[in-house]
PDB file of N, CA and C in Angstrom:
ATOM      1  N   MET A   1       0.816  -1.197   0.000  1.00  0.00           N
ATOM      2  CA  MET A   1       0.000   0.000   0.000  1.00  0.00           C
ATOM      3  C   MET A   1       0.858   1.259   0.000  1.00  0.00           C
ATOM      4  N   LYS A   2       2.005   1.189   0.688  1.00  0.00           N
ATOM      5  CA  LYS A   2       2.837   2.392   0.735  1.00  0.00           C
ATOM      6  C   LYS A   2       3.452   2.695  -0.631  1.00  0.00           C
ATOM      7  N   TRP A   3       3.693   1.658  -1.460  1.00  0.00           N
ATOM      8  CA  TRP A   3       4.234   1.916  -2.799  1.00  0.00           C
ATOM      9  C   TRP A   3       3.213   2.653  -3.657  1.00  0.00           C
ATOM     10  N   PHE A   4       1.943   2.289  -3.494  1.00  0.00           N
ATOM     11  CA  PHE A   4       0.886   2.978  -4.226  1.00  0.00           C
ATOM     12  C   PHE A   4       0.796   4.437  -3.779  1.00  0.00           C
ATOM     13  N   THR A   5       0.902   4.660  -2.481  1.00  0.00           N
ATOM     14  CA  THR A   5       0.871   6.027  -1.951  1.00  0.00           C
ATOM     15  C   THR A   5       2.060   6.826  -2.459  1.00  0.00           C
ATOM     16  N   TYR A   6       3.234   6.210  -2.457  1.00  0.00           N
ATOM     17  CA  TYR A   6       4.428   6.897  -2.972  1.00  0.00           C
ATOM     18  C   TYR A   6       4.252   7.260  -4.444  1.00  0.00           C
ATOM     19  N   SER A   7       3.673   6.345  -5.220  1.00  0.00           N
ATOM     20  CA  SER A   7       3.506   6.629  -6.651  1.00  0.00           C
ATOM     21  C   SER A   7       2.491   7.746  -6.884  1.00  0.00           C
ATOM     22  N   ILE A   8       1.438   7.798  -6.079  1.00  0.00           N
ATOM     23  CA  ILE A   8       0.454   8.880  -6.208  1.00  0.00           C
ATOM     24  C   ILE A   8       1.088  10.212  -5.826  1.00  0.00           C
ATOM     25  N   TYR A   9       1.855  10.237  -4.734  1.00  0.00           N
ATOM     26  CA  TYR A   9       2.555  11.461  -4.336  1.00  0.00           C
ATOM     27  C   TYR A   9       3.526  11.909  -5.424  1.00  0.00           C
ATOM     28  N   SER A  10       4.234  10.960  -5.992  1.00  0.00           N
ATOM     29  CA  SER A  10       5.202  11.280  -7.044  1.00  0.00           C
ATOM     30  C   SER A  10       4.510  11.849  -8.274  1.00  0.00           C
ATOM     31  N   LEU A  11       3.416  11.237  -8.671  1.00  0.00           N
ATOM     32  CA  LEU A  11       2.681  11.706  -9.845  1.00  0.00           C
ATOM     33  C   LEU A  11       2.104  13.102  -9.615  1.00  0.00           C
ATOM     34  N   ALA A  12       1.553  13.338  -8.433  1.00  0.00           N
ATOM     35  CA  ALA A  12       0.982  14.654  -8.136  1.00  0.00           C
ATOM     36  C   ALA A  12       2.061  15.729  -8.113  1.00  0.00           C
ATOM     37  N   THR A  13       3.184  15.433  -7.486  1.00  0.00           N
ATOM     38  CA  THR A  13       4.283  16.400  -7.440  1.00  0.00           C
ATOM     39  C   THR A  13       4.839  16.655  -8.832  1.00  0.00           C
ATOM     40  N   ALA A  14       5.000  15.599  -9.617  1.00  0.00           N
ATOM     41  CA  ALA A  14       5.506  15.753 -10.981  1.00  0.00           C
ATOM     42  C   ALA A  14       4.541  16.561 -11.839  1.00  0.00           C
ATOM     43  N   ALA A  15       3.245  16.379 -11.641  1.00  0.00           N
ATOM     44  CA  ALA A  15       2.263  17.148 -12.411  1.00  0.00           C
ATOM     45  C   ALA A  15       2.356  18.636 -12.083  1.00  0.00           C
ATOM     46  N   VAL A  16       2.494  18.959 -10.804  1.00  0.00           N
ATOM     47  CA  VAL A  16       2.617  20.369 -10.407  1.00  0.00           C
ATOM     48  C   VAL A  16       3.892  20.978 -10.971  1.00  0.00           C
ATOM     49  N   VAL A  17       5.002  20.260 -10.861  1.00  0.00           N
ATOM     50  CA  VAL A  17       6.279  20.773 -11.371  1.00  0.00           C
ATOM     51  C   VAL A  17       6.225  20.932 -12.890  1.00  0.00           C
ATOM     52  N   THR A  18       5.623  19.976 -13.588  1.00  0.00           N
ATOM     53  CA  THR A  18       5.512  20.066 -15.047  1.00  0.00           C
ATOM     54  C   THR A  18       4.682  21.271 -15.464  1.00  0.00           C
ATOM     55  N   VAL A  19       3.567  21.499 -14.789  1.00  0.00           N
ATOM     56  CA  VAL A  19       2.733  22.664 -15.111  1.00  0.00           C
ATOM     57  C   VAL A  19       3.510  23.954 -14.874  1.00  0.00           C
ATOM     58  N   LEU A  20       4.247  24.026 -13.772  1.00  0.00           N
ATOM     59  CA  LEU A  20       5.032  25.230 -13.491  1.00  0.00           C
ATOM     60  C   LEU A  20       6.123  25.457 -14.537  1.00  0.00           C
ATOM     61  N   VAL A  21       6.783  24.389 -14.958  1.00  0.00           N
ATOM     62  CA  VAL A  21       7.851  24.520 -15.954  1.00  0.00           C
ATOM     63  C   VAL A  21       7.279  24.926 -17.311  1.00  0.00           C
ATOM     64  N   VAL A  22       6.170  24.322 -17.712  1.00  0.00           N
ATOM     65  CA  VAL A  22       5.550  24.686 -18.992  1.00  0.00           C
ATOM     66  C   VAL A  22       5.057  26.131 -18.947  1.00  0.00           C
ATOM     67  N   ALA A  23       4.457  26.533 -17.838  1.00  0.00           N
ATOM     68  CA  ALA A  23       3.993  27.921 -17.710  1.00  0.00           C
ATOM     69  C   ALA A  23       5.167  28.897 -17.733  1.00  0.00           C
ATOM     70  N   GLY A  24       6.243  28.564 -17.034  1.00  0.00           N
ATOM     71  CA  GLY A  24       7.425  29.431 -17.051  1.00  0.00           C
ATOM     72  C   GLY A  24       8.036  29.539 -18.431  1.00  0.00           C
ATOM     73  N   SER A  25       8.114  28.432 -19.133  1.00  0.00           N
ATOM     74  CA  SER A  25       8.650  28.441 -20.491  1.00  0.00           C
ATOM     75  C   SER A  25       7.767  29.261 -21.426  1.00  0.00           C
ATOM     76  N   THR A  26       6.459  29.142 -21.249  1.00  0.00           N
ATOM     77  CA  THR A  26       5.524  29.905 -22.080  1.00  0.00           C
ATOM     78  C   THR A  26       5.637  31.401 -21.808  1.00  0.00           C
ATOM     79  N   ILE A  27       5.716  31.775 -20.546  1.00  0.00           N
ATOM     80  CA  ILE A  27       5.850  33.195 -20.195  1.00  0.00           C
ATOM     81  C   ILE A  27       7.165  33.755 -20.720  1.00  0.00           C
ATOM     82  N   TYR A  28       8.243  32.988 -20.588  1.00  0.00           N
ATOM     83  CA  TYR A  28       9.533  33.439 -21.109  1.00  0.00           C
ATOM     84  C   TYR A  28       9.456  33.659 -22.620  1.00  0.00           C
ATOM     85  N   THR A  29       8.823  32.740 -23.325  1.00  0.00           N
ATOM     86  CA  THR A  29       8.691  32.872 -24.778  1.00  0.00           C
ATOM     87  C   THR A  29       7.798  34.051 -25.147  1.00  0.00           C
ATOM     88  N   LEU A  30       6.750  34.293 -24.371  1.00  0.00           N
ATOM     89  CA  LEU A  30       5.878  35.442 -24.634  1.00  0.00           C
ATOM     90  C   LEU A  30       6.651  36.750 -24.565  1.00  0.00           C
ATOM     91  N   PHE A  31       7.506  36.880 -23.564  1.00  0.00           N
ATOM     92  CA  PHE A  31       8.251  38.122 -23.413  1.00  0.00           C
ATOM     93  C   PHE A  31       9.412  38.242 -24.395  1.00  0.00           C
ATOM     94  N   SER A  32       9.820  37.142 -25.000  1.00  0.00           N
ATOM     95  CA  SER A  32      10.917  37.224 -25.964  1.00  0.00           C
ATOM     96  C   SER A  32      10.429  37.355 -27.406  1.00  0.00           C
ATOM     97  N   LEU A  33       9.121  37.336 -27.625  1.00  0.00           N
ATOM     98  CA  LEU A  33       8.598  37.587 -28.972  1.00  0.00           C
ATOM     99  C   LEU A  33       8.773  39.063 -29.298  1.00  0.00           C
ATOM    100  N   GLY A  34       9.133  39.345 -30.522  1.00  0.00           N
ATOM    101  CA  GLY A  34       9.324  40.730 -30.932  1.00  0.00           C
ATOM    102  C   GLY A  34       8.652  41.012 -32.258  1.00  0.00           C
ATOM    103  N   GLU A  35       8.949  42.189 -32.790  1.00  0.00           N
ATOM    104  CA  GLU A  35       8.364  42.554 -34.083  1.00  0.00           C
ATOM    105  C   GLU A  35       8.926  41.697 -35.204  1.00  0.00           C
ATOM    106  N   ASN A  36      10.183  41.319 -35.093  1.00  0.00           N
ATOM    107  CA  ASN A  36      10.822  40.532 -36.151  1.00  0.00           C
ATOM    108  C   ASN A  36      10.410  39.064 -36.115  1.00  0.00           C
ATOM    109  N   SER A  37      10.055  38.570 -34.950  1.00  0.00           N
ATOM    110  CA  SER A  37       9.655  37.165 -34.837  1.00  0.00           C
ATOM    111  C   SER A  37       8.309  37.083 -34.119  1.00  0.00           C
ATOM    112  N   PRO A  38       7.211  37.174 -34.854  1.00  0.00           N
ATOM    113  CA  PRO A  38       5.894  37.157 -34.208  1.00  0.00           C
ATOM    114  C   PRO A  38       5.446  35.771 -33.738  1.00  0.00           C
ATOM    115  N   MET A  39       6.162  34.706 -34.130  1.00  0.00           N
ATOM    116  CA  MET A  39       5.799  33.353 -33.708  1.00  0.00           C
ATOM    117  C   MET A  39       6.926  32.759 -32.888  1.00  0.00           C
ATOM    118  N   GLY A  40       6.566  31.969 -31.914  1.00  0.00           N
ATOM    119  CA  GLY A  40       7.571  31.323 -31.088  1.00  0.00           C
ATOM    120  C   GLY A  40       7.075  29.985 -30.576  1.00  0.00           C
ATOM    121  N   GLU A  41       8.016  29.112 -30.279  1.00  0.00           N
ATOM    122  CA  GLU A  41       7.696  27.807 -29.715  1.00  0.00           C
ATOM    123  C   GLU A  41       8.227  27.753 -28.294  1.00  0.00           C
ATOM    124  N   ALA A  42       7.432  27.189 -27.410  1.00  0.00           N
ATOM    125  CA  ALA A  42       7.835  27.054 -26.017  1.00  0.00           C
ATOM    126  C   ALA A  42       7.880  25.575 -25.647  1.00  0.00           C
ATOM    127  N   PHE A  43       8.736  25.258 -24.710  1.00  0.00           N
ATOM    128  CA  PHE A  43       8.884  23.919 -24.133  1.00  0.00           C
ATOM    129  C   PHE A  43       9.073  22.847 -25.198  1.00  0.00           C
ATOM    130  N   PHE A  44      10.159  22.957 -25.905  1.00  0.00           N
ATOM    131  CA  PHE A  44      10.581  21.983 -26.911  1.00  0.00           C
ATOM    132  C   PHE A  44       9.542  21.769 -28.009  1.00  0.00           C
ATOM    133  N   GLY A  45       8.861  22.819 -28.391  1.00  0.00           N
ATOM    134  CA  GLY A  45       7.882  22.739 -29.464  1.00  0.00           C
ATOM    135  C   GLY A  45       6.501  22.291 -29.040  1.00  0.00           C
ATOM    136  N   ALA A  46       6.255  22.191 -27.746  1.00  0.00           N
ATOM    137  CA  ALA A  46       4.929  21.766 -27.286  1.00  0.00           C
ATOM    138  C   ALA A  46       3.898  22.872 -27.428  1.00  0.00           C
ATOM    139  N   MET A  47       4.311  24.108 -27.207  1.00  0.00           N
ATOM    140  CA  MET A  47       3.395  25.248 -27.268  1.00  0.00           C
ATOM    141  C   MET A  47       3.782  26.148 -28.434  1.00  0.00           C
ATOM    142  N   LEU A  48       2.786  26.631 -29.164  1.00  0.00           N
ATOM    143  CA  LEU A  48       3.008  27.569 -30.258  1.00  0.00           C
ATOM    144  C   LEU A  48       2.379  28.896 -29.864  1.00  0.00           C
ATOM    145  N   LEU A  49       3.172  29.966 -29.914  1.00  0.00           N
ATOM    146  CA  LEU A  49       2.712  31.297 -29.539  1.00  0.00           C
ATOM    147  C   LEU A  49       2.815  32.213 -30.741  1.00  0.00           C
ATOM    148  N   GLU A  50       1.802  33.052 -30.910  1.00  0.00           N
ATOM    149  CA  GLU A  50       1.795  33.974 -32.040  1.00  0.00           C
ATOM    150  C   GLU A  50       1.248  35.313 -31.567  1.00  0.00           C
ATOM    151  N   SER A  51       1.954  36.384 -31.899  1.00  0.00           N
ATOM    152  CA  SER A  51       1.467  37.727 -31.570  1.00  0.00           C
ATOM    153  C   SER A  51       1.306  38.517 -32.863  1.00  0.00           C
ATOM    154  N   ILE A  52       0.182  39.215 -32.969  1.00  0.00           N
ATOM    155  CA  ILE A  52      -0.132  39.999 -34.163  1.00  0.00           C
ATOM    156  C   ILE A  52      -0.478  41.412 -33.716  1.00  0.00           C
ATOM    157  N   ALA A  53       0.170  42.401 -34.335  1.00  0.00           N
ATOM    158  CA  ALA A  53      -0.132  43.799 -34.017  1.00  0.00           C
ATOM    159  C   ALA A  53      -1.439  44.196 -34.688  1.00  0.00           C
ATOM    160  N   LEU A  54      -2.322  44.792 -33.924  1.00  0.00           N
ATOM    161  CA  LEU A  54      -3.611  45.254 -34.446  1.00  0.00           C
ATOM    162  C   LEU A  54      -3.497  46.705 -34.896  1.00  0.00           C
ATOM    163  N   PRO A  55      -4.331  47.137 -35.839  1.00  0.00           N
ATOM    164  CA  PRO A  55      -4.232  48.506 -36.361  1.00  0.00           C
ATOM    165  C   PRO A  55      -4.435  49.589 -35.297  1.00  0.00           C
ATOM    166  N   GLY A  56      -5.225  49.347 -34.277  1.00  0.00           N
ATOM    167  CA  GLY A  56      -5.493  50.359 -33.261  1.00  0.00           C
ATOM    168  C   GLY A  56      -4.403  50.478 -32.220  1.00  0.00           C
ATOM    169  N   GLY A  57      -3.314  49.775 -32.378  1.00  0.00           N
ATOM    170  CA  GLY A  57      -2.217  49.826 -31.422  1.00  0.00           C
ATOM    171  C   GLY A  57      -2.222  48.676 -30.427  1.00  0.00           C
ATOM    172  N   GLY A  58      -3.183  47.789 -30.531  1.00  0.00           N
ATOM    173  CA  GLY A  58      -3.249  46.647 -29.627  1.00  0.00           C
ATOM    174  C   GLY A  58      -2.473  45.458 -30.160  1.00  0.00           C
ATOM    175  N   VAL A  59      -2.512  44.417 -29.397  1.00  0.00           N
ATOM    176  CA  VAL A  59      -1.807  43.190 -29.774  1.00  0.00           C
ATOM    177  C   VAL A  59      -2.762  42.015 -29.595  1.00  0.00           C
ATOM    178  N   SER A  60      -2.796  41.140 -30.567  1.00  0.00           N
ATOM    179  CA  SER A  60      -3.576  39.909 -30.485  1.00  0.00           C
ATOM    180  C   SER A  60      -2.612  38.752 -30.238  1.00  0.00           C
ATOM    181  N   MET A  61      -2.907  37.952 -29.230  1.00  0.00           N
ATOM    182  CA  MET A  61      -2.041  36.824 -28.881  1.00  0.00           C
ATOM    183  C   MET A  61      -2.813  35.521 -29.072  1.00  0.00           C
ATOM    184  N   ARG A  62      -2.127  34.534 -29.632  1.00  0.00           N
ATOM    185  CA  ARG A  62      -2.696  33.198 -29.770  1.00  0.00           C
ATOM    186  C   ARG A  62      -1.713  32.200 -29.185  1.00  0.00           C
ATOM    187  N   MET A  63      -2.260  31.239 -28.469  1.00  0.00           N
ATOM    188  CA  MET A  63      -1.424  30.205 -27.877  1.00  0.00           C
ATOM    189  C   MET A  63      -2.124  28.867 -28.080  1.00  0.00           C
ATOM    190  N   SER A  64      -1.371  27.862 -28.506  1.00  0.00           N
ATOM    191  CA  SER A  64      -1.962  26.543 -28.697  1.00  0.00           C
ATOM    192  C   SER A  64      -0.937  25.468 -28.390  1.00  0.00           C
ATOM    193  N   MET A  65      -1.438  24.307 -27.966  1.00  0.00           N
ATOM    194  CA  MET A  65      -0.558  23.171 -27.732  1.00  0.00           C
ATOM    195  C   MET A  65      -0.501  22.370 -29.021  1.00  0.00           C
ATOM    196  N   VAL A  66       0.689  22.307 -29.592  1.00  0.00           N
ATOM    197  CA  VAL A  66       0.874  21.641 -30.876  1.00  0.00           C
ATOM    198  C   VAL A  66       1.278  20.187 -30.680  1.00  0.00           C
ATOM    199  N   ASN A  67       2.160  19.947 -29.730  1.00  0.00           N
ATOM    200  CA  ASN A  67       2.730  18.623 -29.547  1.00  0.00           C
ATOM    201  C   ASN A  67       2.782  18.310 -28.048  1.00  0.00           C
ATOM    202  N   PRO A  68       1.921  17.441 -27.537  1.00  0.00           N
ATOM    203  CA  PRO A  68       1.929  17.150 -26.104  1.00  0.00           C
ATOM    204  C   PRO A  68       3.010  16.159 -25.667  1.00  0.00           C
ATOM    205  N   VAL A  69       3.763  15.609 -26.599  1.00  0.00           N
ATOM    206  CA  VAL A  69       4.763  14.590 -26.261  1.00  0.00           C
ATOM    207  C   VAL A  69       5.818  15.106 -25.273  1.00  0.00           C
ATOM    208  N   PRO A  70       6.413  16.308 -25.457  1.00  0.00           N
ATOM    209  CA  PRO A  70       7.396  16.766 -24.469  1.00  0.00           C
ATOM    210  C   PRO A  70       6.815  16.923 -23.065  1.00  0.00           C
ATOM    211  N   VAL A  71       5.564  17.314 -22.979  1.00  0.00           N
ATOM    212  CA  VAL A  71       4.930  17.475 -21.668  1.00  0.00           C
ATOM    213  C   VAL A  71       4.730  16.108 -21.009  1.00  0.00           C
ATOM    214  N   VAL A  72       4.275  15.134 -21.773  1.00  0.00           N
ATOM    215  CA  VAL A  72       4.046  13.792 -21.235  1.00  0.00           C
ATOM    216  C   VAL A  72       5.367  13.135 -20.836  1.00  0.00           C
ATOM    217  N   VAL A  73       6.389  13.275 -21.662  1.00  0.00           N
ATOM    218  CA  VAL A  73       7.699  12.701 -21.337  1.00  0.00           C
ATOM    219  C   VAL A  73       8.258  13.336 -20.069  1.00  0.00           C
ATOM    220  N   THR A  74       8.125  14.645 -19.940  1.00  0.00           N
ATOM    221  CA  THR A  74       8.588  15.333 -18.731  1.00  0.00           C
ATOM    222  C   THR A  74       7.833  14.841 -17.506  1.00  0.00           C
ATOM    223  N   LEU A  75       6.531  14.679 -17.628  1.00  0.00           N
ATOM    224  CA  LEU A  75       5.723  14.187 -16.515  1.00  0.00           C
ATOM    225  C   LEU A  75       6.160  12.787 -16.086  1.00  0.00           C
ATOM    226  N   ILE A  76       6.383  11.913 -17.040  1.00  0.00           N
ATOM    227  CA  ILE A  76       6.788  10.539 -16.721  1.00  0.00           C
ATOM    228  C   ILE A  76       8.175  10.512 -16.085  1.00  0.00           C
ATOM    229  N   LEU A  77       9.125  11.241 -16.669  1.00  0.00           N
ATOM    230  CA  LEU A  77      10.481  11.254 -16.113  1.00  0.00           C
ATOM    231  C   LEU A  77      10.511  11.842 -14.707  1.00  0.00           C
ATOM    232  N   LEU A  78       9.801  12.942 -14.505  1.00  0.00           N
ATOM    233  CA  LEU A  78       9.762  13.535 -13.166  1.00  0.00           C
ATOM    234  C   LEU A  78       9.096  12.604 -12.158  1.00  0.00           C
ATOM    235  N   THR A  79       8.078  11.871 -12.585  1.00  0.00           N
ATOM    236  CA  THR A  79       7.424  10.918 -11.686  1.00  0.00           C
ATOM    237  C   THR A  79       8.407   9.852 -11.228  1.00  0.00           C
ATOM    238  N   PHE A  80       9.187   9.301 -12.157  1.00  0.00           N
ATOM    239  CA  PHE A  80      10.170   8.282 -11.788  1.00  0.00           C
ATOM    240  C   PHE A  80      11.257   8.846 -10.880  1.00  0.00           C
ATOM    241  N   VAL A  81      11.740  10.035 -11.186  1.00  0.00           N
ATOM    242  CA  VAL A  81      12.803  10.634 -10.369  1.00  0.00           C
ATOM    243  C   VAL A  81      12.295  10.934  -8.963  1.00  0.00           C
ATOM    244  N   ILE A  82      11.125  11.520  -8.859  1.00  0.00           N
ATOM    245  CA  ILE A  82      10.578  11.851  -7.539  1.00  0.00           C
ATOM    246  C   ILE A  82      10.266  10.583  -6.752  1.00  0.00           C
ATOM    247  N   PHE A  83       9.762   9.551  -7.420  1.00  0.00           N
ATOM    248  CA  PHE A  83       9.510   8.274  -6.752  1.00  0.00           C
ATOM    249  C   PHE A  83      10.805   7.687  -6.203  1.00  0.00           C
ATOM    250  N   ALA A  84      11.865   7.729  -7.006  1.00  0.00           N
ATOM    251  CA  ALA A  84      13.160   7.206  -6.556  1.00  0.00           C
ATOM    252  C   ALA A  84      13.692   7.998  -5.368  1.00  0.00           C
ATOM    253  N   VAL A  85      13.517   9.303  -5.381  1.00  0.00           N
ATOM    254  CA  VAL A  85      13.983  10.134  -4.263  1.00  0.00           C
ATOM    255  C   VAL A  85      13.198   9.811  -2.992  1.00  0.00           C
ATOM    256  N   ILE A  86      11.888   9.644  -3.109  1.00  0.00           N
ATOM    257  CA  ILE A  86      11.068   9.319  -1.935  1.00  0.00           C
ATOM    258  C   ILE A  86      11.473   7.971  -1.348  1.00  0.00           C
ATOM    259  N   VAL A  87      11.649   6.974  -2.207  1.00  0.00           N
ATOM    260  CA  VAL A  87      12.033   5.641  -1.736  1.00  0.00           C
ATOM    261  C   VAL A  87      13.419   5.675  -1.099  1.00  0.00           C
ATOM    262  N   ALA A  88      14.368   6.351  -1.736  1.00  0.00           N
ATOM    263  CA  ALA A  88      15.719   6.435  -1.178  1.00  0.00           C
ATOM    264  C   ALA A  88      15.708   7.157   0.165  1.00  0.00           C
ATOM    265  N   TYR A  89      14.956   8.238   0.261  1.00  0.00           N
ATOM    266  CA  TYR A  89      14.881   8.985   1.520  1.00  0.00           C
ATOM    267  C   TYR A  89      14.292   8.125   2.634  1.00  0.00           C
ATOM    268  N   ASN A  90      13.229   7.410   2.337  1.00  0.00           N
ATOM    269  CA  ASN A  90      12.604   6.568   3.364  1.00  0.00           C
ATOM    270  C   ASN A  90      13.510   5.421   3.788  1.00  0.00           C
ATOM    271  N   ARG A  91      14.204   4.822   2.845  1.00  0.00           N
ATOM    272  CA  ARG A  91      15.123   3.734   3.209  1.00  0.00           C
ATOM    273  C   ARG A  91      16.303   4.246   4.024  1.00  0.00           C
ATOM    274  N   LEU A  92      16.843   5.398   3.642  1.00  0.00           N
ATOM    275  CA  LEU A  92      17.949   5.963   4.416  1.00  0.00           C
ATOM    276  C   LEU A  92      17.493   6.400   5.803  1.00  0.00           C
ATOM    277  N   SER A  93      16.281   6.900   5.913  1.00  0.00           N
ATOM    278  CA  SER A  93      15.747   7.274   7.227  1.00  0.00           C
ATOM    279  C   SER A  93      15.566   6.041   8.109  1.00  0.00           C
ATOM    280  N   ALA A  94      15.084   4.957   7.531  1.00  0.00           N
ATOM    281  CA  ALA A  94      14.924   3.717   8.291  1.00  0.00           C
ATOM    282  C   ALA A  94      16.278   3.158   8.708  1.00  0.00           C
ATOM    283  N   TYR A  95      17.254   3.233   7.822  1.00  0.00           N
ATOM    284  CA  TYR A  95      18.601   2.760   8.148  1.00  0.00           C
ATOM    285  C   TYR A  95      19.215   3.606   9.258  1.00  0.00           C
ATOM    286  N   ARG A  96      19.004   4.909   9.211  1.00  0.00           N
ATOM    287  CA  ARG A  96      19.515   5.804  10.254  1.00  0.00           C
ATOM    288  C   ARG A  96      18.863   5.474  11.597  1.00  0.00           C
ATOM    289  N   ALA A  97      17.554   5.247  11.588  1.00  0.00           N
ATOM    290  CA  ALA A  97      16.858   4.894  12.824  1.00  0.00           C
ATOM    291  C   ALA A  97      17.367   3.565  13.375  1.00  0.00           C
ATOM    292  N   GLN A  98      17.676   2.634  12.483  1.00  0.00           N
ATOM    293  CA  GLN A  98      18.216   1.345  12.911  1.00  0.00           C
ATOM    294  C   GLN A  98      19.588   1.522  13.547  1.00  0.00           C
ATOM    295  N   LEU A  99      20.440   2.348  12.951  1.00  0.00           N
ATOM    296  CA  LEU A  99      21.768   2.589  13.516  1.00  0.00           C
ATOM    297  C   LEU A  99      21.682   3.272  14.874  1.00  0.00           C
ATOM    298  N   ILE A 100      20.776   4.212  15.017  1.00  0.00           N
ATOM    299  CA  ILE A 100      20.606   4.896  16.301  1.00  0.00           C
ATOM    300  C   ILE A 100      20.090   3.915  17.352  1.00  0.00           C
ATOM    301  N   ALA A 101      19.175   3.023  16.960  1.00  0.00           N
ATOM    302  CA  ALA A 101      18.645   2.032  17.899  1.00  0.00           C
ATOM    303  C   ALA A 101      19.718   1.035  18.320  1.00  0.00           C
ATOM    304  N   GLU A 102      20.602   0.653  17.409  1.00  0.00           N
ATOM    305  CA  GLU A 102      21.677  -0.279  17.742  1.00  0.00           C
ATOM    306  C   GLU A 102      22.709   0.372  18.651  1.00  0.00           C
ATOM    307  N   LYS A 103      22.933   1.648  18.481  1.00  0.00           N
ATOM    308  CA  LYS A 103      23.929   2.362  19.280  1.00  0.00           C
ATOM    309  C   LYS A 103      23.448   2.539  20.719  1.00  0.00           C
ATOM    310  N   SER A 104      22.153   2.687  20.907  1.00  0.00           N
ATOM    311  CA  SER A 104      21.607   2.938  22.248  1.00  0.00           C
ATOM    312  C   SER A 104      21.584   1.720  23.106  1.00  0.00           C
TER     313      SER A 104
END
């Protein structure tokens, strides 16, 4: 049961981190778009951003997800890494508690 709990925690944490990274990459790309390059790709081509100058002085922005593969791969890799960290931390904590108990 604890392995299932660890995997759920890992997946939830990886999902939050992936959303934050994709959002950060998108915001960075939005601010780096200029007059010379009205289109940009964020997060390894997963997001397509386009800005168009309107005649009244405004700006029209379009954002779409073109390729979800980089997002899914990032989610899976982060889930495995976070799961491994949780398992390693718990095993090392148990080993430390065992050493302290043997010393006493």
